[in-house]
């Protein structure tokens, strides 16, 4: 059963969807889609979108899987604009990874039992990803939603202790080769 389930998830991961498909699947209003697609194609065209149900009980909404791949949890019960926000947030983590600022301060600090370093970097990286996503959402037509939800969306910036403990436990459990391997194991692929 686990092998079949993992294969189906892996198959989903290799079936990237376009931004148009994603927006329709998450039920973004049709009148907003052209502006979002244009913005995406101009600013994020390198990002491949994967949208499938994660095989986990962990509260993982989305992950980046390298410099150009984002996976969003299809099991997430949230309004479409929140799912778009998560896509933008995770796409910024792709940039951070590409810039070489993600692994050392985030993953390596957990592996090296340096909680203080992790907490400092976690807050910086999450704030940066949130800033990018919130500003992008405002540009593409979701200013009122961001005004209403910004403090809620920024809640993850103070979740470093929980994330550190979850990662520490999962590193011991899975013995991953790197952070991307850990993320794949956490979401069930």
N, C-alpha and C. Protein backbone atom coordinates (compact mmCIF):
# COMPACT_ATOMS: atom_id res chain seq x y z
N UNK A 1 0.83 -1.20 0.00
CA UNK A 1 0.00 0.00 0.00
C UNK A 1 0.87 1.26 0.00
N UNK A 2 1.86 1.33 0.87
CA UNK A 2 2.74 2.51 0.97
C UNK A 2 3.48 2.75 -0.34
N UNK A 3 3.94 1.68 -0.98
CA UNK A 3 4.68 1.81 -2.23
C UNK A 3 3.78 2.38 -3.32
N UNK A 4 2.56 1.90 -3.42
CA UNK A 4 1.62 2.40 -4.42
C UNK A 4 1.30 3.86 -4.14
N UNK A 5 1.03 4.20 -2.88
CA UNK A 5 0.73 5.57 -2.49
C UNK A 5 1.89 6.49 -2.84
N UNK A 6 3.11 6.09 -2.50
CA UNK A 6 4.28 6.91 -2.79
C UNK A 6 4.46 7.09 -4.29
N UNK A 7 4.21 6.03 -5.06
CA UNK A 7 4.36 6.13 -6.50
C UNK A 7 3.37 7.14 -7.07
N UNK A 8 2.12 7.11 -6.57
CA UNK A 8 1.12 8.06 -7.06
C UNK A 8 1.52 9.49 -6.73
N UNK A 9 2.07 9.71 -5.55
CA UNK A 9 2.53 11.05 -5.18
C UNK A 9 3.71 11.44 -6.05
N UNK A 10 4.65 10.53 -6.26
CA UNK A 10 5.80 10.82 -7.11
C UNK A 10 5.34 11.15 -8.53
N UNK A 11 4.34 10.40 -9.00
CA UNK A 11 3.78 10.65 -10.33
C UNK A 11 3.21 12.07 -10.39
N UNK A 12 2.51 12.48 -9.33
CA UNK A 12 1.96 13.84 -9.26
C UNK A 12 3.07 14.88 -9.30
N UNK A 13 4.16 14.59 -8.62
CA UNK A 13 5.27 15.53 -8.56
C UNK A 13 5.89 15.73 -9.94
N UNK A 14 5.80 14.76 -10.79
CA UNK A 14 6.35 14.88 -12.14
C UNK A 14 5.32 15.37 -13.15
N UNK A 15 4.15 15.75 -12.66
CA UNK A 15 3.10 16.28 -13.52
C UNK A 15 2.84 17.73 -13.13
N UNK A 16 3.76 18.59 -13.50
CA UNK A 16 3.61 20.00 -13.17
C UNK A 16 2.37 20.55 -13.83
N UNK A 17 1.75 21.51 -13.17
CA UNK A 17 0.59 22.16 -13.76
C UNK A 17 0.92 23.63 -14.02
N UNK A 18 0.21 24.20 -14.95
CA UNK A 18 0.43 25.61 -15.28
C UNK A 18 -0.23 26.49 -14.22
N UNK A 19 0.15 27.74 -14.20
CA UNK A 19 -0.45 28.68 -13.27
C UNK A 19 -1.95 28.80 -13.55
N UNK A 20 -2.35 28.77 -14.81
CA UNK A 20 -3.79 28.82 -15.15
C UNK A 20 -4.55 27.66 -14.52
N UNK A 21 -3.98 26.44 -14.67
CA UNK A 21 -4.63 25.26 -14.10
C UNK A 21 -4.73 25.38 -12.58
N UNK A 22 -3.65 25.81 -11.96
CA UNK A 22 -3.64 25.95 -10.51
C UNK A 22 -4.71 26.94 -10.05
N UNK A 23 -4.76 28.09 -10.68
CA UNK A 23 -5.73 29.12 -10.30
C UNK A 23 -7.16 28.62 -10.44
N UNK A 24 -7.42 27.86 -11.48
CA UNK A 24 -8.76 27.29 -11.66
C UNK A 24 -9.05 26.21 -10.62
N UNK A 25 -8.06 25.39 -10.31
CA UNK A 25 -8.26 24.33 -9.31
C UNK A 25 -8.53 24.89 -7.92
N UNK A 26 -7.90 26.03 -7.60
CA UNK A 26 -8.09 26.60 -6.26
C UNK A 26 -9.23 27.63 -6.25
N UNK A 27 -9.90 27.77 -7.38
CA UNK A 27 -11.10 28.59 -7.50
C UNK A 27 -10.87 30.09 -7.29
N UNK A 28 -9.86 30.57 -7.95
CA UNK A 28 -9.64 32.02 -7.99
C UNK A 28 -10.69 32.60 -8.94
N UNK A 29 -11.32 33.71 -8.59
CA UNK A 29 -12.32 34.31 -9.49
C UNK A 29 -11.77 34.53 -10.89
N UNK A 30 -12.57 34.18 -11.88
CA UNK A 30 -12.14 34.23 -13.28
C UNK A 30 -11.66 35.61 -13.71
N UNK A 31 -12.26 36.67 -13.18
CA UNK A 31 -11.85 38.01 -13.59
C UNK A 31 -10.46 38.39 -13.09
N UNK A 32 -9.94 37.69 -12.09
CA UNK A 32 -8.61 37.98 -11.55
C UNK A 32 -7.51 37.17 -12.25
N UNK A 33 -7.88 36.09 -12.90
CA UNK A 33 -6.89 35.16 -13.46
C UNK A 33 -5.97 35.79 -14.50
N UNK A 34 -6.46 36.55 -15.49
CA UNK A 34 -5.53 37.10 -16.50
C UNK A 34 -4.40 37.94 -15.90
N UNK A 35 -4.71 38.79 -14.94
CA UNK A 35 -3.68 39.63 -14.32
C UNK A 35 -2.66 38.77 -13.57
N UNK A 36 -3.13 37.75 -12.87
CA UNK A 36 -2.24 36.87 -12.12
C UNK A 36 -1.33 36.10 -13.08
N UNK A 37 -1.90 35.57 -14.13
CA UNK A 37 -1.12 34.81 -15.12
C UNK A 37 -0.05 35.69 -15.74
N UNK A 38 -0.43 36.90 -16.13
CA UNK A 38 0.56 37.82 -16.71
C UNK A 38 1.69 38.09 -15.72
N UNK A 39 1.33 38.39 -14.48
CA UNK A 39 2.35 38.68 -13.46
C UNK A 39 3.24 37.46 -13.24
N UNK A 40 2.63 36.28 -13.13
CA UNK A 40 3.38 35.04 -12.89
C UNK A 40 4.36 34.79 -14.04
N UNK A 41 3.87 34.91 -15.26
CA UNK A 41 4.73 34.65 -16.41
C UNK A 41 5.89 35.63 -16.50
N UNK A 42 5.68 36.83 -16.00
CA UNK A 42 6.75 37.83 -16.01
C UNK A 42 7.73 37.64 -14.85
N UNK A 43 7.24 37.17 -13.70
CA UNK A 43 8.05 37.15 -12.48
C UNK A 43 8.40 35.77 -11.93
N UNK A 44 7.61 34.74 -12.23
CA UNK A 44 7.82 33.43 -11.61
C UNK A 44 7.77 32.29 -12.63
N UNK A 45 7.98 32.58 -13.88
CA UNK A 45 7.81 31.55 -14.93
C UNK A 45 8.74 30.35 -14.76
N UNK A 46 9.82 30.51 -14.01
CA UNK A 46 10.73 29.39 -13.78
C UNK A 46 10.21 28.39 -12.75
N UNK A 47 9.20 28.76 -11.99
CA UNK A 47 8.70 27.90 -10.91
C UNK A 47 7.71 26.88 -11.45
N UNK A 48 7.97 25.61 -11.15
CA UNK A 48 7.07 24.52 -11.53
C UNK A 48 6.13 24.25 -10.35
N UNK A 49 4.84 24.16 -10.67
CA UNK A 49 3.82 23.99 -9.64
C UNK A 49 3.38 22.53 -9.58
N UNK A 50 3.40 21.98 -8.37
CA UNK A 50 2.93 20.62 -8.10
C UNK A 50 1.81 20.75 -7.07
N UNK A 51 0.66 20.17 -7.37
CA UNK A 51 -0.51 20.30 -6.50
C UNK A 51 -1.10 18.92 -6.30
N UNK A 52 -0.88 18.36 -5.12
CA UNK A 52 -1.36 17.01 -4.82
C UNK A 52 -1.54 16.86 -3.31
N UNK A 53 -2.30 15.86 -2.89
CA UNK A 53 -2.48 15.65 -1.44
C UNK A 53 -1.21 15.08 -0.81
N UNK A 54 -0.72 15.75 0.23
CA UNK A 54 0.45 15.25 0.94
C UNK A 54 0.03 14.08 1.80
N UNK A 55 0.91 13.12 1.91
CA UNK A 55 0.66 11.93 2.73
C UNK A 55 1.34 12.14 4.08
N UNK A 56 0.72 12.99 4.91
CA UNK A 56 1.29 13.31 6.20
C UNK A 56 0.20 13.78 7.15
N UNK A 57 0.46 13.63 8.42
CA UNK A 57 -0.43 14.21 9.43
C UNK A 57 0.14 15.53 9.93
N UNK A 58 1.36 15.86 9.49
CA UNK A 58 1.98 17.12 9.88
C UNK A 58 1.25 18.29 9.21
N UNK A 59 1.21 19.44 9.87
CA UNK A 59 0.51 20.60 9.29
C UNK A 59 1.37 21.32 8.24
N UNK A 60 1.69 20.60 7.16
CA UNK A 60 2.53 21.16 6.10
C UNK A 60 1.63 21.59 4.95
N UNK A 61 1.61 22.89 4.67
CA UNK A 61 0.73 23.46 3.65
C UNK A 61 1.37 23.45 2.27
N UNK A 62 2.68 23.64 2.25
CA UNK A 62 3.42 23.67 1.00
C UNK A 62 4.90 23.57 1.30
N UNK A 63 5.66 23.20 0.29
CA UNK A 63 7.11 23.09 0.43
C UNK A 63 7.77 23.50 -0.89
N UNK A 64 9.03 23.90 -0.78
CA UNK A 64 9.81 24.07 -2.00
C UNK A 64 10.67 22.82 -2.12
N UNK A 65 10.91 22.38 -3.33
CA UNK A 65 11.66 21.14 -3.54
C UNK A 65 12.87 21.38 -4.43
N UNK A 66 13.54 22.49 -4.20
CA UNK A 66 14.71 22.85 -4.99
C UNK A 66 14.59 24.29 -5.43
N UNK A 67 15.31 24.65 -6.47
CA UNK A 67 15.33 26.04 -6.90
C UNK A 67 14.16 26.40 -7.82
N UNK A 68 13.44 25.41 -8.32
CA UNK A 68 12.37 25.69 -9.28
C UNK A 68 11.08 24.91 -9.05
N UNK A 69 10.98 24.13 -7.99
CA UNK A 69 9.79 23.31 -7.76
C UNK A 69 9.13 23.65 -6.44
N UNK A 70 7.81 23.82 -6.51
CA UNK A 70 7.00 24.05 -5.33
C UNK A 70 5.89 23.00 -5.32
N UNK A 71 5.61 22.45 -4.14
CA UNK A 71 4.50 21.52 -3.98
C UNK A 71 3.53 22.11 -2.96
N UNK A 72 2.25 22.11 -3.31
CA UNK A 72 1.20 22.62 -2.44
C UNK A 72 0.29 21.47 -2.07
N UNK A 73 -0.06 21.40 -0.79
CA UNK A 73 -0.90 20.32 -0.27
C UNK A 73 -2.35 20.50 -0.72
N UNK A 74 -2.81 19.59 -1.55
CA UNK A 74 -4.18 19.63 -2.05
C UNK A 74 -5.20 19.39 -0.94
N UNK A 75 -4.76 18.80 0.17
CA UNK A 75 -5.66 18.55 1.31
C UNK A 75 -5.94 19.81 2.12
N UNK A 76 -5.25 20.88 1.82
CA UNK A 76 -5.41 22.12 2.56
C UNK A 76 -6.82 22.68 2.35
N UNK A 77 -7.53 22.85 3.44
CA UNK A 77 -8.88 23.40 3.39
C UNK A 77 -8.79 24.90 3.67
N UNK A 78 -8.67 25.67 2.61
CA UNK A 78 -8.50 27.11 2.75
C UNK A 78 -9.03 27.80 1.49
N UNK A 79 -9.36 29.08 1.62
CA UNK A 79 -9.81 29.82 0.42
C UNK A 79 -8.70 29.87 -0.63
N UNK A 80 -9.11 30.06 -1.87
CA UNK A 80 -8.16 30.09 -2.98
C UNK A 80 -7.06 31.11 -2.81
N UNK A 81 -7.37 32.30 -2.30
CA UNK A 81 -6.33 33.32 -2.17
C UNK A 81 -5.25 32.87 -1.19
N UNK A 82 -5.62 32.06 -0.18
CA UNK A 82 -4.63 31.54 0.76
C UNK A 82 -3.71 30.54 0.06
N UNK A 83 -4.27 29.72 -0.81
CA UNK A 83 -3.46 28.75 -1.55
C UNK A 83 -2.53 29.46 -2.53
N UNK A 84 -2.97 30.57 -3.07
CA UNK A 84 -2.11 31.37 -3.94
C UNK A 84 -1.00 32.00 -3.12
N UNK A 85 -1.33 32.50 -1.94
CA UNK A 85 -0.33 33.06 -1.05
C UNK A 85 0.75 32.02 -0.72
N UNK A 86 0.33 30.80 -0.42
CA UNK A 86 1.28 29.73 -0.07
C UNK A 86 2.20 29.44 -1.26
N UNK A 87 1.64 29.40 -2.46
CA UNK A 87 2.46 29.19 -3.65
C UNK A 87 3.53 30.29 -3.78
N UNK A 88 3.13 31.52 -3.59
CA UNK A 88 4.08 32.64 -3.70
C UNK A 88 5.12 32.57 -2.58
N UNK A 89 4.68 32.26 -1.38
CA UNK A 89 5.58 32.14 -0.23
C UNK A 89 6.64 31.07 -0.50
N UNK A 90 6.21 29.89 -0.92
CA UNK A 90 7.14 28.80 -1.18
C UNK A 90 8.05 29.11 -2.36
N UNK A 91 7.54 29.86 -3.34
CA UNK A 91 8.39 30.22 -4.48
C UNK A 91 9.53 31.14 -4.03
N UNK A 92 9.29 31.94 -3.01
CA UNK A 92 10.38 32.78 -2.48
C UNK A 92 11.42 31.92 -1.79
N UNK A 93 11.00 30.82 -1.14
CA UNK A 93 11.98 29.89 -0.57
C UNK A 93 12.85 29.29 -1.67
N UNK A 94 12.29 29.08 -2.86
CA UNK A 94 13.11 28.62 -3.99
C UNK A 94 14.21 29.63 -4.28
N UNK A 95 13.86 30.91 -4.28
CA UNK A 95 14.85 31.97 -4.50
C UNK A 95 15.93 31.94 -3.42
N UNK A 96 15.50 31.80 -2.17
CA UNK A 96 16.44 31.78 -1.05
C UNK A 96 17.40 30.60 -1.19
N UNK A 97 16.86 29.47 -1.63
CA UNK A 97 17.69 28.28 -1.84
C UNK A 97 18.69 28.52 -2.97
N UNK A 98 18.20 29.13 -4.04
CA UNK A 98 19.06 29.44 -5.19
C UNK A 98 20.17 30.41 -4.79
N UNK A 99 19.85 31.35 -3.90
CA UNK A 99 20.83 32.33 -3.43
C UNK A 99 21.80 31.74 -2.41
N UNK A 100 21.56 30.51 -1.97
CA UNK A 100 22.45 29.85 -1.03
C UNK A 100 22.29 30.28 0.41
N UNK A 101 21.17 30.92 0.74
CA UNK A 101 20.98 31.40 2.10
C UNK A 101 20.02 30.55 2.93
N UNK A 102 19.51 29.48 2.34
CA UNK A 102 18.50 28.70 3.06
C UNK A 102 19.09 27.54 3.85
N UNK A 103 19.91 26.74 3.22
CA UNK A 103 20.36 25.48 3.84
C UNK A 103 21.19 25.69 5.10
N UNK A 104 22.15 26.57 5.04
CA UNK A 104 23.06 26.73 6.17
C UNK A 104 22.32 27.23 7.41
N UNK A 105 21.56 28.28 7.27
CA UNK A 105 20.90 28.86 8.43
C UNK A 105 19.68 28.11 8.90
N UNK A 106 19.09 27.33 8.03
CA UNK A 106 17.83 26.65 8.34
C UNK A 106 18.09 25.18 8.68
N UNK A 107 18.39 24.41 7.66
CA UNK A 107 18.55 22.97 7.85
C UNK A 107 19.82 22.62 8.64
N UNK A 108 20.95 23.15 8.22
CA UNK A 108 22.22 22.81 8.86
C UNK A 108 22.24 23.17 10.34
N UNK A 109 21.58 24.27 10.69
CA UNK A 109 21.57 24.66 12.11
C UNK A 109 20.81 23.63 12.96
N UNK A 110 19.80 22.98 12.40
CA UNK A 110 19.08 21.93 13.15
C UNK A 110 19.97 20.69 13.25
N UNK A 111 20.58 20.29 12.14
CA UNK A 111 21.48 19.14 12.14
C UNK A 111 22.60 19.33 13.17
N UNK A 112 23.08 20.56 13.29
CA UNK A 112 24.18 20.86 14.21
C UNK A 112 23.73 21.23 15.62
N UNK A 113 22.45 21.00 15.93
CA UNK A 113 21.88 21.29 17.26
C UNK A 113 22.08 22.75 17.68
N UNK A 114 22.01 23.65 16.74
CA UNK A 114 22.18 25.07 17.06
C UNK A 114 20.81 25.75 16.96
N UNK A 115 20.01 25.57 18.01
CA UNK A 115 18.64 26.09 18.02
C UNK A 115 18.62 27.61 17.94
N UNK A 116 19.51 28.27 18.63
CA UNK A 116 19.55 29.73 18.61
C UNK A 116 19.76 30.25 17.19
N UNK A 117 20.70 29.65 16.47
CA UNK A 117 20.98 30.04 15.08
C UNK A 117 19.76 29.76 14.20
N UNK A 118 19.13 28.59 14.39
CA UNK A 118 17.94 28.25 13.62
C UNK A 118 16.84 29.28 13.84
N UNK A 119 16.54 29.58 15.09
CA UNK A 119 15.44 30.50 15.40
C UNK A 119 15.66 31.87 14.77
N UNK A 120 16.89 32.36 14.82
CA UNK A 120 17.22 33.65 14.22
C UNK A 120 16.99 33.60 12.70
N UNK A 121 17.53 32.58 12.04
CA UNK A 121 17.41 32.47 10.60
C UNK A 121 15.99 32.13 10.16
N UNK A 122 15.32 31.31 10.93
CA UNK A 122 13.94 30.94 10.61
C UNK A 122 13.07 32.19 10.50
N UNK A 123 13.16 33.05 11.49
CA UNK A 123 12.34 34.26 11.49
C UNK A 123 12.68 35.15 10.30
N UNK A 124 13.95 35.31 10.00
CA UNK A 124 14.39 36.14 8.87
C UNK A 124 13.87 35.58 7.54
N UNK A 125 14.05 34.27 7.33
CA UNK A 125 13.66 33.65 6.06
C UNK A 125 12.14 33.61 5.89
N UNK A 126 11.42 33.33 6.96
CA UNK A 126 9.96 33.30 6.87
C UNK A 126 9.39 34.70 6.66
N UNK A 127 9.96 35.70 7.33
CA UNK A 127 9.51 37.08 7.15
C UNK A 127 9.76 37.50 5.69
N UNK A 128 10.92 37.17 5.16
CA UNK A 128 11.24 37.50 3.78
C UNK A 128 10.24 36.85 2.81
N UNK A 129 9.95 35.57 3.02
CA UNK A 129 9.00 34.87 2.15
C UNK A 129 7.59 35.46 2.29
N UNK A 130 7.21 35.81 3.51
CA UNK A 130 5.91 36.44 3.73
C UNK A 130 5.84 37.83 3.09
N UNK A 131 6.90 38.61 3.25
CA UNK A 131 6.94 39.94 2.63
C UNK A 131 6.75 39.83 1.12
N UNK A 132 7.49 38.90 0.51
CA UNK A 132 7.38 38.70 -0.93
C UNK A 132 5.96 38.31 -1.32
N UNK A 133 5.40 37.33 -0.62
CA UNK A 133 4.06 36.83 -0.96
C UNK A 133 2.99 37.90 -0.75
N UNK A 134 3.06 38.61 0.36
CA UNK A 134 2.05 39.64 0.65
C UNK A 134 2.15 40.77 -0.37
N UNK A 135 3.34 41.25 -0.65
CA UNK A 135 3.51 42.32 -1.64
C UNK A 135 3.04 41.87 -3.02
N UNK A 136 3.35 40.63 -3.38
CA UNK A 136 2.92 40.10 -4.69
C UNK A 136 1.40 39.99 -4.74
N UNK A 137 0.80 39.52 -3.66
CA UNK A 137 -0.67 39.40 -3.62
C UNK A 137 -1.33 40.76 -3.79
N UNK A 138 -0.78 41.78 -3.20
CA UNK A 138 -1.33 43.14 -3.35
C UNK A 138 -1.23 43.60 -4.80
N UNK A 139 -0.10 43.33 -5.43
CA UNK A 139 0.11 43.75 -6.82
C UNK A 139 -0.88 43.06 -7.75
N UNK A 140 -1.19 41.80 -7.49
CA UNK A 140 -2.05 41.04 -8.42
C UNK A 140 -3.53 41.11 -8.07
N UNK A 141 -3.90 41.97 -7.13
CA UNK A 141 -5.33 42.23 -6.92
C UNK A 141 -5.95 41.71 -5.65
N UNK A 142 -5.16 41.41 -4.63
CA UNK A 142 -5.70 40.89 -3.38
C UNK A 142 -5.35 41.79 -2.20
N UNK A 143 -5.39 43.09 -2.45
CA UNK A 143 -5.02 44.05 -1.40
C UNK A 143 -5.95 43.97 -0.19
N UNK A 144 -7.25 43.89 -0.41
CA UNK A 144 -8.17 43.85 0.74
C UNK A 144 -8.00 42.56 1.54
N UNK A 145 -7.76 41.44 0.86
CA UNK A 145 -7.55 40.17 1.57
C UNK A 145 -6.27 40.22 2.40
N UNK A 146 -5.23 40.86 1.86
CA UNK A 146 -3.97 40.96 2.59
C UNK A 146 -4.11 41.90 3.78
N UNK A 147 -4.84 42.98 3.62
CA UNK A 147 -5.07 43.91 4.73
C UNK A 147 -5.79 43.18 5.87
N UNK A 148 -6.77 42.37 5.51
CA UNK A 148 -7.58 41.64 6.50
C UNK A 148 -6.80 40.47 7.12
N UNK A 149 -5.97 39.78 6.35
CA UNK A 149 -5.36 38.52 6.79
C UNK A 149 -3.86 38.60 7.11
N UNK A 150 -3.23 39.75 6.91
CA UNK A 150 -1.78 39.81 7.02
C UNK A 150 -1.26 39.31 8.36
N UNK A 151 -1.84 39.74 9.46
CA UNK A 151 -1.32 39.29 10.77
C UNK A 151 -1.45 37.78 10.92
N UNK A 152 -2.54 37.22 10.42
CA UNK A 152 -2.73 35.76 10.45
C UNK A 152 -1.69 35.05 9.58
N UNK A 153 -1.46 35.59 8.38
CA UNK A 153 -0.51 34.99 7.46
C UNK A 153 0.92 35.04 7.99
N UNK A 154 1.21 36.02 8.80
CA UNK A 154 2.55 36.16 9.38
C UNK A 154 2.74 35.32 10.64
N UNK A 155 1.73 34.58 11.05
CA UNK A 155 1.81 33.76 12.26
C UNK A 155 2.96 32.77 12.25
N UNK A 156 3.33 32.30 11.07
CA UNK A 156 4.42 31.31 10.98
C UNK A 156 5.77 31.90 11.38
N UNK A 157 5.91 33.21 11.35
CA UNK A 157 7.19 33.84 11.68
C UNK A 157 7.59 33.59 13.13
N UNK A 158 6.62 33.32 13.98
CA UNK A 158 6.93 33.05 15.40
C UNK A 158 6.85 31.56 15.74
N UNK A 159 6.78 30.71 14.73
CA UNK A 159 6.65 29.27 14.96
C UNK A 159 7.95 28.50 14.94
N UNK A 160 9.06 29.18 15.12
CA UNK A 160 10.36 28.54 15.01
C UNK A 160 10.59 27.40 15.98
N UNK A 161 10.16 27.53 17.22
CA UNK A 161 10.36 26.45 18.20
C UNK A 161 9.68 25.16 17.76
N UNK A 162 8.44 25.29 17.31
CA UNK A 162 7.69 24.12 16.85
C UNK A 162 8.36 23.48 15.63
N UNK A 163 8.76 24.30 14.69
CA UNK A 163 9.39 23.79 13.46
C UNK A 163 10.73 23.14 13.79
N UNK A 164 11.50 23.76 14.66
CA UNK A 164 12.79 23.19 15.05
C UNK A 164 12.60 21.78 15.64
N UNK A 165 11.66 21.66 16.57
CA UNK A 165 11.41 20.35 17.21
C UNK A 165 10.91 19.32 16.20
N UNK A 166 10.01 19.74 15.30
CA UNK A 166 9.50 18.83 14.28
C UNK A 166 10.64 18.36 13.37
N UNK A 167 11.47 19.30 12.94
CA UNK A 167 12.59 18.94 12.06
C UNK A 167 13.58 18.04 12.78
N UNK A 168 13.88 18.36 14.02
CA UNK A 168 14.83 17.57 14.81
C UNK A 168 14.34 16.11 14.90
N UNK A 169 13.06 15.95 15.23
CA UNK A 169 12.48 14.60 15.33
C UNK A 169 12.50 13.89 13.98
N UNK A 170 12.15 14.60 12.92
CA UNK A 170 12.09 13.97 11.59
C UNK A 170 13.47 13.67 11.03
N UNK A 171 14.47 14.45 11.39
CA UNK A 171 15.84 14.14 10.96
C UNK A 171 16.29 12.84 11.62
N UNK A 172 15.96 12.67 12.89
CA UNK A 172 16.30 11.41 13.58
C UNK A 172 15.51 10.24 12.99
N UNK A 173 14.26 10.47 12.69
CA UNK A 173 13.38 9.42 12.17
C UNK A 173 13.77 8.98 10.76
N UNK A 174 14.04 9.93 9.86
CA UNK A 174 14.26 9.62 8.45
C UNK A 174 15.72 9.55 8.03
N UNK A 175 16.61 10.15 8.79
CA UNK A 175 18.03 10.21 8.42
C UNK A 175 18.19 10.69 6.97
N UNK A 176 17.67 11.89 6.66
CA UNK A 176 17.72 12.38 5.28
C UNK A 176 19.13 12.77 4.85
N UNK A 177 19.33 12.81 3.55
CA UNK A 177 20.63 13.22 3.00
C UNK A 177 20.79 14.73 2.99
N UNK A 178 19.67 15.47 2.90
CA UNK A 178 19.68 16.93 2.91
C UNK A 178 18.26 17.42 3.19
N UNK A 179 18.07 18.72 3.15
CA UNK A 179 16.77 19.30 3.50
C UNK A 179 15.68 18.92 2.51
N UNK A 180 16.01 18.89 1.23
CA UNK A 180 15.01 18.52 0.22
C UNK A 180 14.56 17.08 0.45
N UNK A 181 15.49 16.20 0.77
CA UNK A 181 15.15 14.81 1.09
C UNK A 181 14.23 14.76 2.31
N UNK A 182 14.52 15.56 3.33
CA UNK A 182 13.66 15.61 4.52
C UNK A 182 12.26 16.07 4.14
N UNK A 183 12.15 17.14 3.36
CA UNK A 183 10.83 17.64 2.96
C UNK A 183 10.05 16.58 2.19
N UNK A 184 10.71 15.90 1.28
CA UNK A 184 10.02 14.86 0.50
C UNK A 184 9.50 13.76 1.42
N UNK A 185 10.30 13.37 2.39
CA UNK A 185 9.86 12.34 3.33
C UNK A 185 8.71 12.84 4.20
N UNK A 186 8.78 14.10 4.61
CA UNK A 186 7.73 14.66 5.45
C UNK A 186 6.37 14.71 4.72
N UNK A 187 6.38 14.94 3.42
CA UNK A 187 5.11 15.01 2.69
C UNK A 187 4.72 13.66 2.06
N UNK A 188 5.57 12.66 2.27
CA UNK A 188 5.20 11.31 1.87
C UNK A 188 5.67 10.86 0.51
N UNK A 189 6.75 11.43 -0.02
CA UNK A 189 7.27 10.94 -1.30
C UNK A 189 8.70 10.44 -1.13
